[in-house]
C-alpha atoms as a PDB file:
ATOM      1  CA  MET A   1      17.178  12.137   7.697  1.00  0.00           C
ATOM      2  CA  SER A   2      16.266  13.405   4.258  1.00  0.00           C
ATOM      3  CA  ARG A   3      12.748  14.682   3.679  1.00  0.00           C
ATOM      4  CA  SER A   4      12.194  12.002   1.050  1.00  0.00           C
ATOM      5  CA  ASN A   5      12.102   9.414   3.827  1.00  0.00           C
ATOM      6  CA  THR A   6       9.576  11.147   6.063  1.00  0.00           C
ATOM      7  CA  ILE A   7       6.100  12.580   5.783  1.00  0.00           C
ATOM      8  CA  ALA A   8       5.990  16.287   6.585  1.00  0.00           C
ATOM      9  CA  PHE A   9       3.169  18.748   7.032  1.00  0.00           C
ATOM     10  CA  PRO A  10       3.478  21.696   4.636  1.00  0.00           C
ATOM     11  CA  SER A  11       3.724  24.124   7.560  1.00  0.00           C
ATOM     12  CA  GLU A  12       6.681  22.227   9.014  1.00  0.00           C
ATOM     13  CA  LEU A  13       8.862  22.631   5.937  1.00  0.00           C
ATOM     14  CA  SER A  14       9.271  26.379   6.280  1.00  0.00           C
ATOM     15  CA  ALA A  15       8.943  26.592  10.060  1.00  0.00           C
ATOM     16  CA  SER A  16      11.719  24.075  10.618  1.00  0.00           C
ATOM     17  CA  ARG A  17      14.201  26.564   9.147  1.00  0.00           C
ATOM     18  CA  SER A  18      13.793  28.856  12.154  1.00  0.00           C
ATOM     19  CA  PRO A  19      16.499  28.093  14.789  1.00  0.00           C
ATOM     20  CA  ALA A  20      14.576  30.004  17.438  1.00  0.00           C
ATOM     21  CA  SER A  21      11.603  27.671  17.170  1.00  0.00           C
ATOM     22  CA  ARG A  22      13.527  24.416  16.716  1.00  0.00           C
ATOM     23  CA  ILE A  23      13.134  23.139  20.296  1.00  0.00           C
ATOM     24  CA  GLY A  24       9.409  23.806  20.392  1.00  0.00           C
ATOM     25  CA  LEU A  25       8.892  22.258  16.994  1.00  0.00           C
ATOM     26  CA  ARG A  26      10.744  19.117  17.971  1.00  0.00           C
ATOM     27  CA  VAL A  27       8.049  18.176  20.464  1.00  0.00           C
ATOM     28  CA  THR A  28       5.236  19.272  18.171  1.00  0.00           C
ATOM     29  CA  ASP A  29       6.675  17.377  15.198  1.00  0.00           C
ATOM     30  CA  THR A  30       6.985  14.181  17.224  1.00  0.00           C
ATOM     31  CA  GLY A  31       3.320  14.309  18.223  1.00  0.00           C
ATOM     32  CA  ARG A  32       2.149  15.196  14.749  1.00  0.00           C
ATOM     33  CA  ARG A  33       4.310  12.516  13.170  1.00  0.00           C
ATOM     34  CA  PHE A  34       2.902   9.897  15.544  1.00  0.00           C
ATOM     35  CA  ILE A  35      -0.691  10.924  14.781  1.00  0.00           C
ATOM     36  CA  ARG A  36      -0.368  10.960  11.009  1.00  0.00           C
ATOM     37  CA  GLN A  37       2.012   7.998  10.623  1.00  0.00           C
ATOM     38  CA  ARG A  38       0.934   5.653  13.382  1.00  0.00           C
ATOM     39  CA  ALA A  39      -2.162   6.587  15.393  1.00  0.00           C
ATOM     40  CA  LEU A  40      -4.627   6.956  12.521  1.00  0.00           C
ATOM     41  CA  PRO A  41      -3.706   3.668  10.790  1.00  0.00           C
ATOM     42  CA  TRP A  42      -3.520   1.892  14.145  1.00  0.00           C
ATOM     43  CA  SER A  43      -7.023   2.967  15.144  1.00  0.00           C
ATOM     44  CA  ILE A  44      -8.504   1.453  11.984  1.00  0.00           C
ATOM     45  CA  LEU A  45      -6.415  -1.733  12.190  1.00  0.00           C
ATOM     46  CA  SER A  46      -7.420  -2.136  15.851  1.00  0.00           C
ATOM     47  CA  GLY A  47     -11.081  -1.576  14.988  1.00  0.00           C
ATOM     48  CA  GLY A  48     -10.898  -4.272  12.327  1.00  0.00           C
ATOM     49  CA  ALA A  49      -9.220  -6.711  14.728  1.00  0.00           C
ATOM     50  CA  LEU A  50     -11.829  -5.993  17.417  1.00  0.00           C
ATOM     51  CA  LEU A  51     -14.633  -6.555  14.914  1.00  0.00           C
ATOM     52  CA  ALA A  52     -13.081  -9.881  13.893  1.00  0.00           C
ATOM     53  CA  LEU A  53     -12.827 -10.940  17.540  1.00  0.00           C
ATOM     54  CA  LEU A  54     -16.448 -10.033  18.310  1.00  0.00           C
ATOM     55  CA  ASP A  55     -17.978 -11.433  15.119  1.00  0.00           C
ATOM     56  CA  PRO A  56     -15.622 -13.025  12.554  1.00  0.00           C
ATOM     57  CA  GLY A  57     -18.595 -13.617  10.242  1.00  0.00           C
ATOM     58  CA  VAL A  58     -18.987  -9.884   9.669  1.00  0.00           C
ATOM     59  CA  THR A  59     -15.501  -9.622   8.171  1.00  0.00           C
ATOM     60  CA  THR A  60     -16.415 -12.526   5.882  1.00  0.00           C
ATOM     61  CA  SER A  61     -19.771 -11.113   4.829  1.00  0.00           C
ATOM     62  CA  PHE A  62     -18.262  -7.702   4.128  1.00  0.00           C
ATOM     63  CA  ALA A  63     -14.813  -8.867   3.017  1.00  0.00           C
ATOM     64  CA  TRP A  64     -15.132  -6.728  -0.112  1.00  0.00           C
ATOM     65  CA  LEU A  65     -15.881  -3.478   1.731  1.00  0.00           C
ATOM     66  CA  PRO A  66     -12.340  -2.112   2.444  1.00  0.00           C
ATOM     67  CA  PHE A  67     -11.224  -2.641  -1.149  1.00  0.00           C
ATOM     68  CA  LEU A  68     -14.445  -1.063  -2.425  1.00  0.00           C
ATOM     69  CA  VAL A  69     -13.837   1.982  -0.214  1.00  0.00           C
ATOM     70  CA  SER A  70     -10.264   2.152  -1.512  1.00  0.00           C
ATOM     71  CA  LEU A  71     -11.577   2.772  -5.026  1.00  0.00           C
ATOM     72  CA  PHE A  72     -12.612   6.266  -3.925  1.00  0.00           C
ATOM     73  CA  ILE A  73     -10.472   7.068  -0.863  1.00  0.00           C
ATOM     74  CA  PHE A  74      -6.658   6.821  -0.790  1.00  0.00           C
ATOM     75  CA  GLY A  75      -6.341   3.454  -2.561  1.00  0.00           C
ATOM     76  CA  MET A  76      -7.035   3.882  -6.266  1.00  0.00           C
ATOM     77  CA  PRO A  77      -6.511   7.684  -6.155  1.00  0.00           C
ATOM     78  CA  HIS A  78      -2.925   7.384  -4.877  1.00  0.00           C
ATOM     79  CA  GLY A  79      -2.132   5.077  -7.804  1.00  0.00           C
ATOM     80  CA  ALA A  80      -3.904   7.384 -10.245  1.00  0.00           C
ATOM     81  CA  MET A  81      -1.476  10.121  -9.219  1.00  0.00           C
ATOM     82  CA  ASP A  82       1.248   8.244 -11.131  1.00  0.00           C
ATOM     83  CA  TRP A  83       0.423  10.292 -14.245  1.00  0.00           C
ATOM     84  CA  MET A  84       1.287  13.551 -12.473  1.00  0.00           C
ATOM     85  CA  VAL A  85       4.208  12.068 -10.517  1.00  0.00           C
ATOM     86  CA  GLN A  86       5.909  10.822 -13.665  1.00  0.00           C
ATOM     87  CA  ASN A  87       5.324  14.104 -15.463  1.00  0.00           C
ATOM     88  CA  ARG A  88       6.914  16.057 -12.624  1.00  0.00           C
ATOM     89  CA  LEU A  89       9.838  13.660 -12.263  1.00  0.00           C
ATOM     90  CA  ASP A  90      10.563  13.845 -15.992  1.00  0.00           C
ATOM     91  CA  GLY A  91       9.826  17.564 -16.293  1.00  0.00           C
ATOM     92  CA  VAL A  92       7.415  16.969 -19.178  1.00  0.00           C
ATOM     93  CA  ASP A  93       4.919  19.641 -20.251  1.00  0.00           C
ATOM     94  CA  GLY A  94       2.026  19.487 -22.701  1.00  0.00           C
ATOM     95  CA  PHE A  95      -0.646  16.799 -22.998  1.00  0.00           C
ATOM     96  CA  ILE A  96       0.863  15.102 -26.056  1.00  0.00           C
ATOM     97  CA  ASN A  97       4.370  14.985 -24.571  1.00  0.00           C
ATOM     98  CA  ARG A  98       3.007  13.697 -21.261  1.00  0.00           C
ATOM     99  CA  THR A  99       1.018  11.001 -23.038  1.00  0.00           C
ATOM    100  CA  ILE A 100       4.103   9.880 -24.970  1.00  0.00           C
ATOM    101  CA  ALA A 101       6.175   9.853 -21.770  1.00  0.00           C
ATOM    102  CA  PHE A 102       3.521   7.661 -20.104  1.00  0.00           C
ATOM    103  CA  ILE A 103       3.644   4.987 -22.838  1.00  0.00           C
ATOM    104  CA  PRO A 104       6.341   2.872 -21.075  1.00  0.00           C
ATOM    105  CA  TYR A 105       4.125   2.788 -17.950  1.00  0.00           C
ATOM    106  CA  LEU A 106       1.147   1.627 -20.020  1.00  0.00           C
ATOM    107  CA  GLY A 107       3.431  -0.818 -21.847  1.00  0.00           C
ATOM    108  CA  LEU A 108       4.334  -2.512 -18.555  1.00  0.00           C
ATOM    109  CA  MET A 109       0.623  -2.758 -17.741  1.00  0.00           C
ATOM    110  CA  ALA A 110      -0.049  -4.347 -21.130  1.00  0.00           C
ATOM    111  CA  PHE A 111       2.834  -6.775 -20.633  1.00  0.00           C
ATOM    112  CA  SER A 112       1.489  -7.755 -17.199  1.00  0.00           C
ATOM    113  CA  SER A 113      -1.987  -8.225 -18.720  1.00  0.00           C
ATOM    114  CA  VAL A 114      -0.619 -10.680 -21.279  1.00  0.00           C
ATOM    115  CA  LEU A 115       1.215 -12.575 -18.547  1.00  0.00           C
ATOM    116  CA  LEU A 116      -1.958 -12.766 -16.454  1.00  0.00           C
ATOM    117  CA  ILE A 117      -3.881 -14.259 -19.393  1.00  0.00           C
ATOM    118  CA  VAL A 118      -1.188 -16.678 -20.593  1.00  0.00           C
ATOM    119  CA  PHE A 119       0.505 -17.594 -17.285  1.00  0.00           C
ATOM    120  CA  PRO A 120      -2.067 -16.832 -14.556  1.00  0.00           C
ATOM    121  CA  ILE A 121      -0.474 -18.842 -11.714  1.00  0.00           C
ATOM    122  CA  PHE A 122       2.994 -17.454 -12.384  1.00  0.00           C
ATOM    123  CA  THR A 123       1.669 -13.890 -12.659  1.00  0.00           C
ATOM    124  CA  VAL A 124      -0.359 -14.120  -9.442  1.00  0.00           C
ATOM    125  CA  SER A 125       2.681 -15.566  -7.627  1.00  0.00           C
ATOM    126  CA  ALA A 126       4.937 -12.814  -8.992  1.00  0.00           C
ATOM    127  CA  PHE A 127       2.329 -10.258  -7.902  1.00  0.00           C
ATOM    128  CA  MET A 128       2.449 -11.641  -4.351  1.00  0.00           C
ATOM    129  CA  VAL A 129       6.234 -11.284  -4.248  1.00  0.00           C
ATOM    130  CA  LEU A 130       6.115  -7.771  -5.693  1.00  0.00           C
ATOM    131  CA  THR A 131       3.335  -6.762  -3.307  1.00  0.00           C
ATOM    132  CA  THR A 132       5.472  -7.941  -0.402  1.00  0.00           C
ATOM    133  CA  LEU A 133       8.283  -5.665  -1.597  1.00  0.00           C
ATOM    134  CA  HIS A 134       5.924  -2.785  -2.377  1.00  0.00           C
ATOM    135  CA  PHE A 135       4.110  -2.792   0.973  1.00  0.00           C
ATOM    136  CA  GLY A 136       7.348  -3.277   2.912  1.00  0.00           C
ATOM    137  CA  THR A 137       9.150  -0.495   1.041  1.00  0.00           C
ATOM    138  CA  ALA A 138       6.283   1.959   1.498  1.00  0.00           C
ATOM    139  CA  ASP A 139       6.139   1.313   5.253  1.00  0.00           C
ATOM    140  CA  LEU A 140       9.929   1.595   5.432  1.00  0.00           C
ATOM    141  CA  LEU A 141       9.833   5.127   4.043  1.00  0.00           C
ATOM    142  CA  ALA A 142       6.687   6.179   5.901  1.00  0.00           C
ATOM    143  CA  THR A 143       8.041   5.167   9.324  1.00  0.00           C
ATOM    144  CA  GLY A 144      11.424   6.836   8.910  1.00  0.00           C
ATOM    145  CA  HIS A 145      13.690   3.824   8.293  1.00  0.00           C
ATOM    146  CA  GLY A 146      14.762   4.892   4.804  1.00  0.00           C
ATOM    147  CA  ASP A 147      18.270   6.005   5.817  1.00  0.00           C
ATOM    148  CA  GLU A 148      19.250   2.714   7.451  1.00  0.00           C
ATOM    149  CA  SER A 149      21.831   0.313   6.044  1.00  0.00           C
ATOM    150  CA  PRO A 150      20.809  -1.988   3.150  1.00  0.00           C
ATOM    151  CA  PHE A 151      20.776  -4.943   5.574  1.00  0.00           C
ATOM    152  CA  ARG A 152      18.467  -3.173   8.015  1.00  0.00           C
ATOM    153  CA  ARG A 153      16.197  -1.985   5.215  1.00  0.00           C
ATOM    154  CA  SER A 154      15.962  -5.535   3.846  1.00  0.00           C
ATOM    155  CA  LEU A 155      15.021  -6.865   7.285  1.00  0.00           C
ATOM    156  CA  PHE A 156      12.209  -4.360   7.572  1.00  0.00           C
ATOM    157  CA  ILE A 157      10.892  -4.686   4.007  1.00  0.00           C
ATOM    158  CA  PHE A 158      10.718  -8.478   3.894  1.00  0.00           C
ATOM    159  CA  GLY A 159       9.602  -8.773   7.514  1.00  0.00           C
ATOM    160  CA  ARG A 160       6.739  -6.326   7.077  1.00  0.00           C
ATOM    161  CA  GLY A 161       5.702  -7.687   3.677  1.00  0.00           C
ATOM    162  CA  CYS A 162       5.599 -11.284   4.895  1.00  0.00           C
ATOM    163  CA  LEU A 163       3.554 -10.267   7.940  1.00  0.00           C
ATOM    164  CA  ILE A 164       0.910  -8.704   5.709  1.00  0.00           C
ATOM    165  CA  LEU A 165       0.403 -11.555   3.242  1.00  0.00           C
ATOM    166  CA  GLY A 166       1.786 -14.598   5.107  1.00  0.00           C
ATOM    167  CA  PRO A 167      -0.855 -14.933   7.865  1.00  0.00           C
ATOM    168  CA  ALA A 168      -3.781 -14.441   5.451  1.00  0.00           C
ATOM    169  CA  PHE A 169      -2.725 -17.405   3.313  1.00  0.00           C
ATOM    170  CA  ALA A 170      -1.396 -19.487   6.219  1.00  0.00           C
ATOM    171  CA  PHE A 171      -4.590 -19.308   8.314  1.00  0.00           C
ATOM    172  CA  HIS A 172      -7.231 -18.846   5.595  1.00  0.00           C
ATOM    173  CA  THR A 173      -5.706 -20.463   2.528  1.00  0.00           C
ATOM    174  CA  GLN A 174      -8.859 -21.309   0.581  1.00  0.00           C
ATOM    175  CA  SER A 175     -10.636 -17.996   1.161  1.00  0.00           C
ATOM    176  CA  ALA A 176      -7.412 -16.066   0.493  1.00  0.00           C
ATOM    177  CA  TRP A 177      -7.146 -17.816  -2.878  1.00  0.00           C
ATOM    178  CA  GLU A 178     -10.830 -17.287  -3.744  1.00  0.00           C
ATOM    179  CA  PRO A 179     -10.663 -13.893  -5.536  1.00  0.00           C
ATOM    180  CA  PHE A 180      -7.598 -15.004  -7.508  1.00  0.00           C
ATOM    181  CA  GLY A 181      -9.268 -18.281  -8.446  1.00  0.00           C
ATOM    182  CA  VAL A 182     -12.378 -16.437  -9.609  1.00  0.00           C
ATOM    183  CA  LEU A 183     -10.262 -13.942 -11.537  1.00  0.00           C
ATOM    184  CA  VAL A 184      -8.292 -16.533 -13.514  1.00  0.00           C
ATOM    185  CA  GLY A 185     -11.275 -18.899 -13.886  1.00  0.00           C
ATOM    186  CA  MET A 186      -9.853 -21.729 -11.778  1.00  0.00           C
ATOM    187  CA  GLY A 187     -12.388 -21.693  -8.956  1.00  0.00           C
ATOM    188  CA  ALA A 188     -11.549 -23.302  -5.625  1.00  0.00           C
ATOM    189  CA  ALA A 189      -8.048 -24.691  -5.196  1.00  0.00           C
ATOM    190  CA  SER A 190      -7.560 -28.448  -4.864  1.00  0.00           C
ATOM    191  CA  ASP A 191      -6.664 -30.031  -1.533  1.00  0.00           C
ATOM    192  CA  SER A 192      -3.106 -30.680  -2.681  1.00  0.00           C
ATOM    193  CA  SER A 193      -2.704 -27.063  -3.818  1.00  0.00           C
ATOM    194  CA  ILE A 194      -4.111 -25.836  -0.524  1.00  0.00           C
ATOM    195  CA  ALA A 195      -1.587 -27.951   1.376  1.00  0.00           C
ATOM    196  CA  VAL A 196       1.316 -26.563  -0.657  1.00  0.00           C
ATOM    197  CA  VAL A 197       0.173 -22.930  -0.379  1.00  0.00           C
ATOM    198  CA  SER A 198      -0.466 -23.341   3.351  1.00  0.00           C
ATOM    199  CA  SER A 199       3.033 -24.749   3.914  1.00  0.00           C
ATOM    200  CA  VAL A 200       4.718 -21.994   1.902  1.00  0.00           C
ATOM    201  CA  SER A 201       2.619 -19.325   3.631  1.00  0.00           C
ATOM    202  CA  THR A 202       3.522 -20.714   7.052  1.00  0.00           C
ATOM    203  CA  LEU A 203       7.193 -20.413   6.130  1.00  0.00           C
ATOM    204  CA  LEU A 204       6.630 -16.834   4.990  1.00  0.00           C
ATOM    205  CA  LEU A 205       4.777 -16.073   8.219  1.00  0.00           C
ATOM    206  CA  SER A 206       7.623 -17.517  10.300  1.00  0.00           C
ATOM    207  CA  ALA A 207      10.184 -15.579   8.271  1.00  0.00           C
ATOM    208  CA  GLY A 208       8.173 -12.384   8.666  1.00  0.00           C
ATOM    209  CA  VAL A 209       7.976 -12.744  12.438  1.00  0.00           C
ATOM    210  CA  LEU A 210      11.690 -13.539  12.708  1.00  0.00           C
ATOM    211  CA  LEU A 211      12.853 -10.703  10.434  1.00  0.00           C
ATOM    212  CA  ALA A 212      10.543  -8.172  12.095  1.00  0.00           C
ATOM    213  CA  LEU A 213      11.798  -9.151  15.566  1.00  0.00           C
ATOM    214  CA  VAL A 214      15.444  -8.938  14.505  1.00  0.00           C
ATOM    215  CA  HIS A 215      14.815  -5.462  13.108  1.00  0.00           C
ATOM    216  CA  VAL A 216      13.074  -4.417  16.328  1.00  0.00           C
ATOM    217  CA  VAL A 217      16.024  -5.678  18.429  1.00  0.00           C
ATOM    218  CA  LEU A 218      18.542  -3.792  16.273  1.00  0.00           C
ATOM    219  CA  THR A 219      16.431  -0.634  16.332  1.00  0.00           C
ATOM    220  CA  TRP A 220      16.045  -0.866  20.115  1.00  0.00           C
ATOM    221  CA  GLN A 221      19.789  -0.338  20.527  1.00  0.00           C
ATOM    222  CA  THR A 222      19.593   3.180  19.108  1.00  0.00           C
ATOM    223  CA  SER A 223      15.920   4.147  19.414  1.00  0.00           C
ATOM    224  CA  PRO A 224      13.773   2.155  21.874  1.00  0.00           C
ATOM    225  CA  ARG A 225      10.720   4.311  21.169  1.00  0.00           C
ATOM    226  CA  VAL A 226      10.778   3.626  17.426  1.00  0.00           C
ATOM    227  CA  ALA A 227      11.420  -0.071  18.058  1.00  0.00           C
ATOM    228  CA  LEU A 228       8.376  -0.251  20.338  1.00  0.00           C
ATOM    229  CA  LEU A 229       6.218   1.513  17.744  1.00  0.00           C
ATOM    230  CA  ASP A 230       7.376  -0.929  15.049  1.00  0.00           C
ATOM    231  CA  LEU A 231       6.612  -3.875  17.328  1.00  0.00           C
ATOM    232  CA  ILE A 232       3.100  -2.636  18.091  1.00  0.00           C
ATOM    233  CA  GLU A 233       2.353  -1.993  14.420  1.00  0.00           C
ATOM    234  CA  SER A 234       3.642  -5.389  13.285  1.00  0.00           C
ATOM    235  CA  SER A 235       1.605  -7.066  16.034  1.00  0.00           C
ATOM    236  CA  LEU A 236      -1.583  -5.297  14.948  1.00  0.00           C
ATOM    237  CA  ILE A 237      -1.068  -6.347  11.338  1.00  0.00           C
ATOM    238  CA  LEU A 238      -0.341  -9.938  12.351  1.00  0.00           C
ATOM    239  CA  ILE A 239      -3.389 -10.177  14.631  1.00  0.00           C
ATOM    240  CA  LEU A 240      -5.747  -8.682  12.053  1.00  0.00           C
ATOM    241  CA  SER A 241      -4.471 -10.956   9.260  1.00  0.00           C
ATOM    242  CA  ALA A 242      -4.713 -14.032  11.477  1.00  0.00           C
ATOM    243  CA  ILE A 243      -8.285 -13.614  12.742  1.00  0.00           C
ATOM    244  CA  ALA A 244     -10.158 -11.653  10.059  1.00  0.00           C
ATOM    245  CA  SER A 245     -11.235 -12.675   6.587  1.00  0.00           C
ATOM    246  CA  PRO A 246      -8.087 -12.377   4.412  1.00  0.00           C
ATOM    247  CA  LEU A 247      -9.707 -10.128   1.812  1.00  0.00           C
ATOM    248  CA  PHE A 248     -11.029  -7.891   4.594  1.00  0.00           C
ATOM    249  CA  ALA A 249      -7.704  -7.824   6.471  1.00  0.00           C
ATOM    250  CA  ILE A 250      -5.509  -7.070   3.456  1.00  0.00           C
ATOM    251  CA  GLY A 251      -8.009  -4.550   2.124  1.00  0.00           C
ATOM    252  CA  LEU A 252      -8.190  -2.778   5.486  1.00  0.00           C
ATOM    253  CA  TYR A 253      -4.393  -2.610   5.702  1.00  0.00           C
ATOM    254  CA  PHE A 254      -4.222  -1.380   2.111  1.00  0.00           C
ATOM    255  CA  VAL A 255      -6.648   1.513   2.522  1.00  0.00           C
ATOM    256  CA  SER A 256      -5.869   2.517   6.124  1.00  0.00           C
ATOM    257  CA  THR A 257      -2.097   2.150   6.172  1.00  0.00           C
ATOM    258  CA  HIS A 258      -0.380   1.688   2.808  1.00  0.00           C
ATOM    259  CA  ALA A 259      -2.542   3.897   0.593  1.00  0.00           C
ATOM    260  CA  TYR A 260      -3.228   6.395   3.388  1.00  0.00           C
ATOM    261  CA  ARG A 261       0.474   6.937   4.100  1.00  0.00           C
ATOM    262  CA  HIS A 262       1.315   7.130   0.416  1.00  0.00           C
ATOM    263  CA  SER A 263      -1.459   9.687  -0.118  1.00  0.00           C
ATOM    264  CA  ILE A 264      -0.204  11.838   2.763  1.00  0.00           C
ATOM    265  CA  ARG A 265       3.283  11.686   1.322  1.00  0.00           C
ATOM    266  CA  LEU A 266       2.094  12.738  -2.125  1.00  0.00           C
ATOM    267  CA  ALA A 267      -0.068  15.498  -0.684  1.00  0.00           C
ATOM    268  CA  SER A 268       2.883  16.859   1.304  1.00  0.00           C
ATOM    269  CA  ASP A 269       5.502  16.741  -1.453  1.00  0.00           C
ATOM    270  CA  SER A 270       6.341  20.209  -2.790  1.00  0.00           C
ATOM    271  CA  MET A 271       7.360  18.591  -6.097  1.00  0.00           C
ATOM    272  CA  LEU A 272       3.669  18.258  -6.949  1.00  0.00           C
ATOM    273  CA  ASP A 273       2.881  21.931  -6.215  1.00  0.00           C
ATOM    274  CA  ASP A 274       2.806  24.476  -9.005  1.00  0.00           C
ATOM    275  CA  GLU A 275       3.622  27.089  -6.387  1.00  0.00           C
ATOM    276  CA  LYS A 276       4.282  27.206  -2.666  1.00  0.00           C
ATOM    277  CA  SER A 277       1.146  26.478  -0.716  1.00  0.00           C
ATOM    278  CA  THR A 278       0.038  27.032   2.860  1.00  0.00           C
ATOM    279  CA  LEU A 279      -3.028  24.805   2.601  1.00  0.00           C
ATOM    280  CA  SER A 280      -3.770  22.524   5.529  1.00  0.00           C
ATOM    281  CA  LEU A 281      -2.945  18.860   5.115  1.00  0.00           C
ATOM    282  CA  PRO A 282      -6.596  17.721   4.789  1.00  0.00           C
ATOM    283  CA  ARG A 283      -7.140  20.238   1.982  1.00  0.00           C
ATOM    284  CA  ARG A 284      -3.957  19.085   0.274  1.00  0.00           C
ATOM    285  CA  VAL A 285      -5.185  15.482   0.479  1.00  0.00           C
ATOM    286  CA  LEU A 286      -8.492  16.513  -1.088  1.00  0.00           C
ATOM    287  CA  ARG A 287      -6.567  18.311  -3.817  1.00  0.00           C
ATOM    288  CA  MET A 288      -4.519  15.168  -4.412  1.00  0.00           C
ATOM    289  CA  HIS A 289      -7.745  13.215  -4.912  1.00  0.00           C
ATOM    290  CA  PHE A 290      -8.958  15.863  -7.357  1.00  0.00           C
ATOM    291  CA  ARG A 291      -5.674  15.748  -9.298  1.00  0.00           C
ATOM    292  CA  SER A 292      -5.932  11.972  -9.582  1.00  0.00           C
ATOM    293  CA  LEU A 293      -9.176  12.197 -11.590  1.00  0.00           C
ATOM    294  CA  SER A 294      -7.382  12.248 -14.951  1.00  0.00           C
ATOM    295  CA  LEU A 295      -6.549   8.553 -14.498  1.00  0.00           C
ATOM    296  CA  LEU A 296      -9.226   7.720 -11.947  1.00  0.00           C
ATOM    297  CA  ILE A 297     -12.218   8.432 -14.196  1.00  0.00           C
ATOM    298  CA  PRO A 298     -11.040   6.068 -16.983  1.00  0.00           C
ATOM    299  CA  THR A 299     -10.372   3.437 -14.315  1.00  0.00           C
ATOM    300  CA  PHE A 300     -13.934   3.764 -13.021  1.00  0.00           C
ATOM    301  CA  VAL A 301     -15.118   3.025 -16.562  1.00  0.00           C
ATOM    302  CA  ILE A 302     -12.731   0.102 -17.091  1.00  0.00           C
ATOM    303  CA  LEU A 303     -13.422  -1.824 -13.869  1.00  0.00           C
ATOM    304  CA  PRO A 304     -17.229  -2.351 -14.118  1.00  0.00           C
ATOM    305  CA  THR A 305     -16.891  -2.937 -17.865  1.00  0.00           C
ATOM    306  CA  TRP A 306     -14.243  -5.619 -17.247  1.00  0.00           C
ATOM    307  CA  CYS A 307     -16.407  -7.120 -14.510  1.00  0.00           C
ATOM    308  CA  PHE A 308     -19.489  -7.295 -16.729  1.00  0.00           C
ATOM    309  CA  PHE A 309     -17.710  -8.780 -19.748  1.00  0.00           C
ATOM    310  CA  GLN A 310     -15.901 -11.436 -17.694  1.00  0.00           C
ATOM    311  CA  PHE A 311     -18.695 -12.424 -15.318  1.00  0.00           C
ATOM    312  CA  GLY A 312     -21.894 -11.153 -16.949  1.00  0.00           C
ATOM    313  CA  THR A 313     -22.847  -9.152 -13.866  1.00  0.00           C
ATOM    314  CA  VAL A 314     -21.464  -6.600 -11.427  1.00  0.00           C
ATOM    315  CA  THR A 315     -21.518  -7.333  -7.687  1.00  0.00           C
ATOM    316  CA  PRO A 316     -19.365  -5.840  -4.903  1.00  0.00           C
ATOM    317  CA  PHE A 317     -17.260  -9.016  -4.613  1.00  0.00           C
ATOM    318  CA  LEU A 318     -16.766  -9.367  -8.370  1.00  0.00           C
ATOM    319  CA  LEU A 319     -15.937  -5.667  -8.673  1.00  0.00           C
ATOM    320  CA  VAL A 320     -13.282  -6.082  -5.977  1.00  0.00           C
ATOM    321  CA  THR A 321     -12.031  -9.185  -7.798  1.00  0.00           C
ATOM    322  CA  VAL A 322     -11.366  -7.258 -11.013  1.00  0.00           C
ATOM    323  CA  THR A 323      -9.911  -4.433  -8.912  1.00  0.00           C
ATOM    324  CA  ILE A 324      -7.340  -6.924  -7.620  1.00  0.00           C
ATOM    325  CA  GLY A 325      -6.777  -7.949 -11.237  1.00  0.00           C
ATOM    326  CA  PHE A 326      -6.161  -4.297 -12.069  1.00  0.00           C
ATOM    327  CA  PHE A 327      -3.647  -4.113  -9.220  1.00  0.00           C
ATOM    328  CA  ILE A 328      -1.912  -7.212 -10.606  1.00  0.00           C
ATOM    329  CA  ILE A 329      -1.269  -5.511 -13.938  1.00  0.00           C
ATOM    330  CA  SER A 330      -0.456  -2.059 -12.525  1.00  0.00           C
ATOM    331  CA  THR A 331       1.662  -2.788  -9.441  1.00  0.00           C
ATOM    332  CA  LEU A 332       4.907  -3.301 -11.388  1.00  0.00           C
ATOM    333  CA  PRO A 333       4.984   0.161 -13.060  1.00  0.00           C
ATOM    334  CA  HIS A 334       3.503   1.742  -9.912  1.00  0.00           C
ATOM    335  CA  HIS A 335       6.241   0.233  -7.730  1.00  0.00           C
ATOM    336  CA  LEU A 336       9.046   1.224 -10.119  1.00  0.00           C
ATOM    337  CA  LEU A 337       7.751   4.793 -10.265  1.00  0.00           C
ATOM    338  CA  GLY A 338       7.497   4.854  -6.480  1.00  0.00           C
ATOM    339  CA  LEU A 339      11.177   3.924  -6.207  1.00  0.00           C
ATOM    340  CA  ARG A 340      12.014   6.961  -8.336  1.00  0.00           C
ATOM    341  CA  LEU A 341       9.853   9.176  -6.127  1.00  0.00           C
ATOM    342  CA  SER A 342      11.560   7.967  -2.941  1.00  0.00           C
ATOM    343  CA  SER A 343      14.953   9.049  -4.285  1.00  0.00           C
ATOM    344  CA  TYR A 344      13.714  12.436  -5.476  1.00  0.00           C
ATOM    345  CA  ASP A 345      15.634  15.243  -3.744  1.00  0.00           C
ATOM    346  CA  PRO A 346      14.338  18.751  -4.561  1.00  0.00           C
END
């Protein structure tokens, strides 16, 4: 499997070249890979599900909290790394040249902004579809399925994506729509709209379960351990999305699983190093957050300003609402750049 489809600790990249230590590393790598790819996200997803079981009202009262945390940890920072990622992929040096090279990225954001203003329902729907692909693709690469056949990859991507968004809208349609309704100024959805969205979401949920199970069965034939891990992870996501507030559930998945894994991947990629480094992974993650500040600081200015001008005040929920709006206009260029990163082969 190519390194572009796995997450590796910096120390593993050089150590793995030693034949004498290969057997010992194989066991160590398996444990480390489980901890960083599975165990840490699972612990947070399980904690959220347990909280929802004990007191569902807490996840409603603090539905905005995971997304608010993601502004500072993993979530927004991993997206703000796009400036550096594109510069390294294109081999561009110098501030002016880098700014010019980043214009197409900003152009896609501007185009998405116009669509959101002129065609809000269409743009939100397109964002849902793209988010399904984006989340599914990221988990595909993070869990080591990137070298499978196109059919198997499609099963995983659409199955995982539908399991993340489908249950939230199928079981909590009105509250799942709430931040989008507030964002585009439509308020609560009508009963007829709720019925349509609920039916479509139920179909997506059913498709997600079916596709995920088919992928697990196919994976079981060659790797029962990986198939079992995929089944557990999909079950955790499904349970959390079904019982917790949708904004809380999706936000918790976003910060603890999607953005966390993407951040680890960026922190571990030698492409982003000016020189070889022996820093520990936590220090590399901190350095990734520091490197993201060039885009992160302007974003921290834009979001509360947007919130104040649109709503006349800034509250945690409204700040998260405009954050979702920011994701709507930035996910397309972010996803396209991520596809380039996944194929990068140093």
